[in-house]
Amino acid sequence: MTSSEHGQPNQSGTGDQILRGILVVGILLVTPLVVWQFLVPITLAHPLGIVVSSLLVALIGLGLYTIAEGELPSLVRP
């Protein structure tokens, strides 16, 4: 039996939301460093650098969305 079946509110959702919020804020703080340290040199050093950089930025965005929403976007879901 879960705690909600005993008449007590289920508090795990709040903890999950707080953890997701912390993860999203952490990623948002680290992303500029990653972009500056890795994506800018890749973009400048190689002819396909812009393609690689674009894919990495898309993956960062997908990761942020997945953490924030708790599931993959409908375009990516199998």
Protein backbone atom coordinates (compact mmCIF):
# COMPACT_ATOMS: atom_id res chain seq x y z
CA MET A 1 0.00 0.00 0.00
CA THR A 2 1.18 3.47 -0.76
CA SER A 3 0.99 6.36 1.65
CA SER A 4 -1.88 7.91 -0.33
CA GLU A 5 -4.01 4.81 0.31
CA HIS A 6 -3.70 5.44 4.04
CA GLY A 7 -5.08 8.95 3.70
CA GLN A 8 -1.68 10.63 3.84
CA PRO A 9 -0.63 12.85 0.95
CA ASN A 10 2.06 11.50 -1.31
CA GLN A 11 5.10 13.78 -0.91
CA SER A 12 7.45 12.08 -3.40
CA GLY A 13 6.24 14.30 -6.26
CA THR A 14 7.46 17.43 -4.49
CA GLY A 15 10.89 15.91 -3.87
CA ASP A 16 11.12 14.90 -7.52
CA GLN A 17 10.23 18.41 -8.64
CA ILE A 18 12.87 19.93 -6.36
CA LEU A 19 15.52 17.50 -7.62
CA ARG A 20 14.59 18.21 -11.24
CA GLY A 21 14.75 21.94 -10.57
CA ILE A 22 18.22 21.62 -9.04
CA LEU A 23 19.40 19.54 -12.01
CA VAL A 24 18.01 22.00 -14.55
CA VAL A 25 19.59 24.99 -12.78
CA GLY A 26 22.91 23.13 -12.55
CA ILE A 27 22.86 22.28 -16.23
CA LEU A 28 21.93 25.84 -17.15
CA LEU A 29 24.87 27.12 -15.13
CA VAL A 30 27.33 24.63 -16.66
CA THR A 31 26.12 24.94 -20.28
CA PRO A 32 27.88 28.28 -21.04
CA LEU A 33 31.16 26.80 -19.81
CA VAL A 34 30.68 23.73 -22.01
CA VAL A 35 29.82 25.89 -25.00
CA TRP A 36 32.82 28.15 -24.52
CA GLN A 37 35.38 25.42 -23.72
CA PHE A 38 34.28 22.76 -26.22
CA LEU A 39 31.87 24.00 -28.87
CA VAL A 40 33.64 27.21 -29.87
CA PRO A 41 37.01 25.49 -30.56
CA ILE A 42 35.26 22.66 -32.44
CA THR A 43 33.33 25.15 -34.55
CA LEU A 44 36.43 27.17 -35.39
CA ALA A 45 38.81 24.25 -35.94
CA HIS A 46 36.89 22.02 -38.32
CA PRO A 47 34.75 22.58 -41.43
CA LEU A 48 31.98 20.39 -39.98
CA GLY A 49 32.31 22.05 -36.58
CA ILE A 50 29.03 23.93 -36.91
CA VAL A 51 27.18 20.66 -37.59
CA VAL A 52 28.75 18.95 -34.59
CA SER A 53 28.11 21.98 -32.40
CA SER A 54 24.48 22.17 -33.50
CA LEU A 55 23.94 18.50 -32.66
CA LEU A 56 25.52 18.94 -29.23
CA VAL A 57 23.37 21.98 -28.47
CA ALA A 58 20.28 20.01 -29.55
CA LEU A 59 21.28 17.16 -27.21
CA ILE A 60 21.75 19.61 -24.33
CA GLY A 61 18.26 21.00 -25.00
CA LEU A 62 16.77 17.51 -25.19
CA GLY A 63 18.43 16.63 -21.89
CA LEU A 64 17.08 19.75 -20.21
CA TYR A 65 13.56 19.08 -21.48
CA THR A 66 13.72 15.44 -20.39
CA ILE A 67 14.87 16.35 -16.89
CA ALA A 68 12.34 19.17 -16.52
CA GLU A 69 9.33 17.23 -17.83
CA GLY A 70 10.34 13.75 -16.69
CA GLU A 71 9.79 12.24 -20.14
CA LEU A 72 11.06 12.54 -23.68
CA PRO A 73 9.31 14.95 -26.05
CA SER A 74 6.69 13.38 -28.30
CA LEU A 75 8.90 13.87 -31.38
CA VAL A 76 11.61 11.63 -29.90
CA ARG A 77 9.48 8.99 -28.16
CA PRO A 78 9.45 5.58 -29.90
